[in-house]
């Protein structure tokens, strides 16, 4: 939905799923995974850009699309 709306760029959901797995591993298994801080920084900036595109009207529009999905 967010990709089609132009809010997030392609590949963001895969990054989020991978990062979720790493967080779970680190939280429950105490595995220290290496972190690429340059990629992390770029990812955080891309999320910030996506958030900057959102306004109340766009949020309502996205919610309606999700509800009707």
N, C-alpha and C. Protein backbone atom coordinates (compact mmCIF):
# COMPACT_ATOMS: atom_id res chain seq x y z
N UNK A 1 0.82 -1.20 0.00
CA UNK A 1 0.00 0.00 0.00
C UNK A 1 0.86 1.26 0.00
N UNK A 2 1.82 1.32 0.93
CA UNK A 2 2.65 2.52 1.04
C UNK A 2 3.54 2.67 -0.18
N UNK A 3 3.94 1.56 -0.77
CA UNK A 3 4.76 1.61 -1.98
C UNK A 3 3.94 2.19 -3.13
N UNK A 4 2.71 1.71 -3.29
CA UNK A 4 1.85 2.19 -4.36
C UNK A 4 1.47 3.66 -4.17
N UNK A 5 1.40 4.09 -2.92
CA UNK A 5 1.04 5.48 -2.63
C UNK A 5 2.23 6.42 -2.77
N UNK A 6 3.41 5.86 -3.02
CA UNK A 6 4.60 6.69 -3.16
C UNK A 6 5.18 7.16 -1.84
N UNK A 7 4.77 6.52 -0.74
CA UNK A 7 5.26 6.92 0.57
C UNK A 7 6.60 6.28 0.85
N UNK A 8 6.72 4.99 0.59
CA UNK A 8 7.97 4.26 0.84
C UNK A 8 8.51 3.72 -0.47
N UNK A 9 9.83 3.57 -0.49
CA UNK A 9 10.42 3.06 -1.72
C UNK A 9 10.49 1.53 -1.70
N UNK A 10 10.67 0.96 -2.87
CA UNK A 10 10.69 -0.49 -3.04
C UNK A 10 11.81 -1.10 -2.20
N UNK A 11 11.52 -2.21 -1.57
CA UNK A 11 12.51 -2.93 -0.77
C UNK A 11 12.45 -2.62 0.71
N UNK A 12 11.69 -1.60 1.09
CA UNK A 12 11.63 -1.20 2.50
C UNK A 12 11.05 -2.30 3.37
N UNK A 13 10.02 -2.98 2.89
CA UNK A 13 9.39 -4.03 3.72
C UNK A 13 10.36 -5.19 3.96
N UNK A 14 11.18 -5.52 2.97
CA UNK A 14 12.17 -6.59 3.15
C UNK A 14 13.20 -6.20 4.21
N UNK A 15 13.63 -4.95 4.18
CA UNK A 15 14.58 -4.46 5.17
C UNK A 15 13.97 -4.53 6.56
N UNK A 16 12.72 -4.11 6.68
CA UNK A 16 12.05 -4.14 7.98
C UNK A 16 11.91 -5.56 8.50
N UNK A 17 11.55 -6.51 7.64
CA UNK A 17 11.42 -7.91 8.07
C UNK A 17 12.76 -8.47 8.53
N UNK A 18 13.81 -8.17 7.78
CA UNK A 18 15.15 -8.65 8.14
C UNK A 18 15.58 -8.04 9.47
N UNK A 19 15.38 -6.74 9.62
CA UNK A 19 15.76 -6.06 10.86
C UNK A 19 14.96 -6.58 12.05
N UNK A 20 13.69 -6.90 11.83
CA UNK A 20 12.88 -7.47 12.92
C UNK A 20 13.49 -8.79 13.39
N UNK A 21 13.88 -9.61 12.45
CA UNK A 21 14.52 -10.89 12.80
C UNK A 21 15.81 -10.68 13.59
N UNK A 22 16.60 -9.71 13.17
CA UNK A 22 17.84 -9.42 13.89
C UNK A 22 17.56 -8.92 15.31
N UNK A 23 16.54 -8.08 15.46
CA UNK A 23 16.19 -7.58 16.79
C UNK A 23 15.74 -8.73 17.69
N UNK A 24 14.95 -9.63 17.15
CA UNK A 24 14.49 -10.78 17.93
C UNK A 24 15.69 -11.65 18.34
N UNK A 25 16.58 -11.91 17.39
CA UNK A 25 17.78 -12.69 17.70
C UNK A 25 18.58 -12.03 18.81
N UNK A 26 18.78 -10.74 18.70
CA UNK A 26 19.58 -10.04 19.70
C UNK A 26 18.88 -9.99 21.05
N UNK A 27 17.56 -9.90 21.04
CA UNK A 27 16.83 -9.79 22.30
C UNK A 27 16.74 -11.13 23.03
N UNK A 28 16.45 -12.19 22.30
CA UNK A 28 16.19 -13.46 22.95
C UNK A 28 17.37 -14.43 22.93
N UNK A 29 18.21 -14.32 21.95
CA UNK A 29 19.31 -15.27 21.81
C UNK A 29 20.65 -14.66 22.19
N UNK A 30 20.64 -13.38 22.47
CA UNK A 30 21.86 -12.65 22.83
C UNK A 30 22.97 -12.82 21.81
N UNK A 31 22.60 -12.81 20.55
CA UNK A 31 23.59 -12.86 19.47
C UNK A 31 23.95 -11.43 19.10
N UNK A 32 25.21 -11.17 19.03
CA UNK A 32 25.65 -9.84 18.61
C UNK A 32 25.90 -9.87 17.12
N UNK A 33 25.01 -9.25 16.40
CA UNK A 33 25.11 -9.19 14.95
C UNK A 33 25.82 -7.90 14.55
N UNK A 34 26.65 -7.97 13.52
CA UNK A 34 27.31 -6.74 13.06
C UNK A 34 26.29 -5.78 12.45
N UNK A 35 26.54 -4.50 12.61
CA UNK A 35 25.64 -3.47 12.10
C UNK A 35 26.41 -2.60 11.12
N UNK A 36 25.84 -2.43 9.93
CA UNK A 36 26.40 -1.50 8.95
C UNK A 36 25.75 -0.15 9.20
N UNK A 37 26.47 0.72 9.90
CA UNK A 37 25.89 1.99 10.32
C UNK A 37 25.61 2.92 9.15
N UNK A 38 26.34 2.78 8.07
CA UNK A 38 26.06 3.62 6.89
C UNK A 38 24.71 3.24 6.28
N UNK A 39 24.47 1.93 6.14
CA UNK A 39 23.18 1.48 5.61
C UNK A 39 22.05 1.83 6.57
N UNK A 40 22.31 1.68 7.85
CA UNK A 40 21.31 2.01 8.86
C UNK A 40 20.95 3.49 8.79
N UNK A 41 21.95 4.32 8.67
CA UNK A 41 21.73 5.77 8.57
C UNK A 41 20.92 6.11 7.32
N UNK A 42 21.28 5.50 6.19
CA UNK A 42 20.54 5.74 4.94
C UNK A 42 19.09 5.29 5.07
N UNK A 43 18.88 4.15 5.73
CA UNK A 43 17.53 3.63 5.91
C UNK A 43 16.70 4.58 6.79
N UNK A 44 17.28 5.04 7.88
CA UNK A 44 16.56 5.95 8.78
C UNK A 44 16.22 7.24 8.05
N UNK A 45 17.13 7.75 7.24
CA UNK A 45 16.85 8.96 6.47
C UNK A 45 15.74 8.73 5.45
N UNK A 46 15.70 7.53 4.84
CA UNK A 46 14.64 7.25 3.87
C UNK A 46 13.28 7.18 4.57
N UNK A 47 13.24 6.63 5.79
CA UNK A 47 11.99 6.59 6.55
C UNK A 47 11.56 8.01 6.91
N UNK A 48 12.52 8.85 7.31
CA UNK A 48 12.20 10.24 7.64
C UNK A 48 11.61 10.96 6.43
N UNK A 49 12.19 10.73 5.25
CA UNK A 49 11.65 11.34 4.03
C UNK A 49 10.22 10.86 3.77
N UNK A 50 9.99 9.58 4.01
CA UNK A 50 8.63 9.04 3.83
C UNK A 50 7.65 9.69 4.79
N UNK A 51 8.08 9.86 6.03
CA UNK A 51 7.21 10.49 7.03
C UNK A 51 6.95 11.96 6.69
N UNK A 52 7.95 12.62 6.13
CA UNK A 52 7.78 14.03 5.76
C UNK A 52 6.73 14.21 4.66
N UNK A 53 6.51 13.17 3.86
CA UNK A 53 5.52 13.24 2.78
C UNK A 53 4.09 13.10 3.31
N UNK A 54 3.94 12.61 4.53
CA UNK A 54 2.61 12.35 5.06
C UNK A 54 1.98 13.61 5.63
N UNK A 55 0.71 13.78 5.35
CA UNK A 55 -0.10 14.80 6.00
C UNK A 55 -1.41 14.12 6.39
N UNK A 56 -2.27 14.85 7.06
CA UNK A 56 -3.52 14.24 7.53
C UNK A 56 -4.34 13.64 6.40
N UNK A 57 -4.40 14.34 5.27
CA UNK A 57 -5.18 13.87 4.13
C UNK A 57 -4.61 12.55 3.60
N UNK A 58 -3.29 12.47 3.49
CA UNK A 58 -2.64 11.27 2.96
C UNK A 58 -2.83 10.09 3.93
N UNK A 59 -2.77 10.36 5.23
CA UNK A 59 -2.97 9.31 6.23
C UNK A 59 -4.38 8.74 6.13
N UNK A 60 -5.38 9.61 6.01
CA UNK A 60 -6.77 9.15 5.86
C UNK A 60 -6.91 8.32 4.59
N UNK A 61 -6.29 8.78 3.52
CA UNK A 61 -6.35 8.06 2.24
C UNK A 61 -5.74 6.66 2.37
N UNK A 62 -4.61 6.55 3.02
CA UNK A 62 -3.94 5.26 3.20
C UNK A 62 -4.77 4.35 4.09
N UNK A 63 -5.32 4.89 5.16
CA UNK A 63 -6.17 4.09 6.05
C UNK A 63 -7.37 3.53 5.30
N UNK A 64 -7.98 4.34 4.45
CA UNK A 64 -9.13 3.89 3.67
C UNK A 64 -8.73 2.77 2.71
N UNK A 65 -7.56 2.91 2.09
CA UNK A 65 -7.09 1.87 1.18
C UNK A 65 -6.86 0.56 1.93
N UNK A 66 -6.29 0.65 3.12
CA UNK A 66 -6.03 -0.55 3.91
C UNK A 66 -7.34 -1.20 4.35
N UNK A 67 -8.28 -0.39 4.80
CA UNK A 67 -9.58 -0.93 5.22
C UNK A 67 -10.31 -1.62 4.07
N UNK A 68 -10.15 -1.11 2.87
CA UNK A 68 -10.85 -1.67 1.71
C UNK A 68 -10.04 -2.75 0.99
N UNK A 69 -8.89 -3.09 1.50
CA UNK A 69 -8.00 -4.05 0.88
C UNK A 69 -8.53 -5.45 0.97
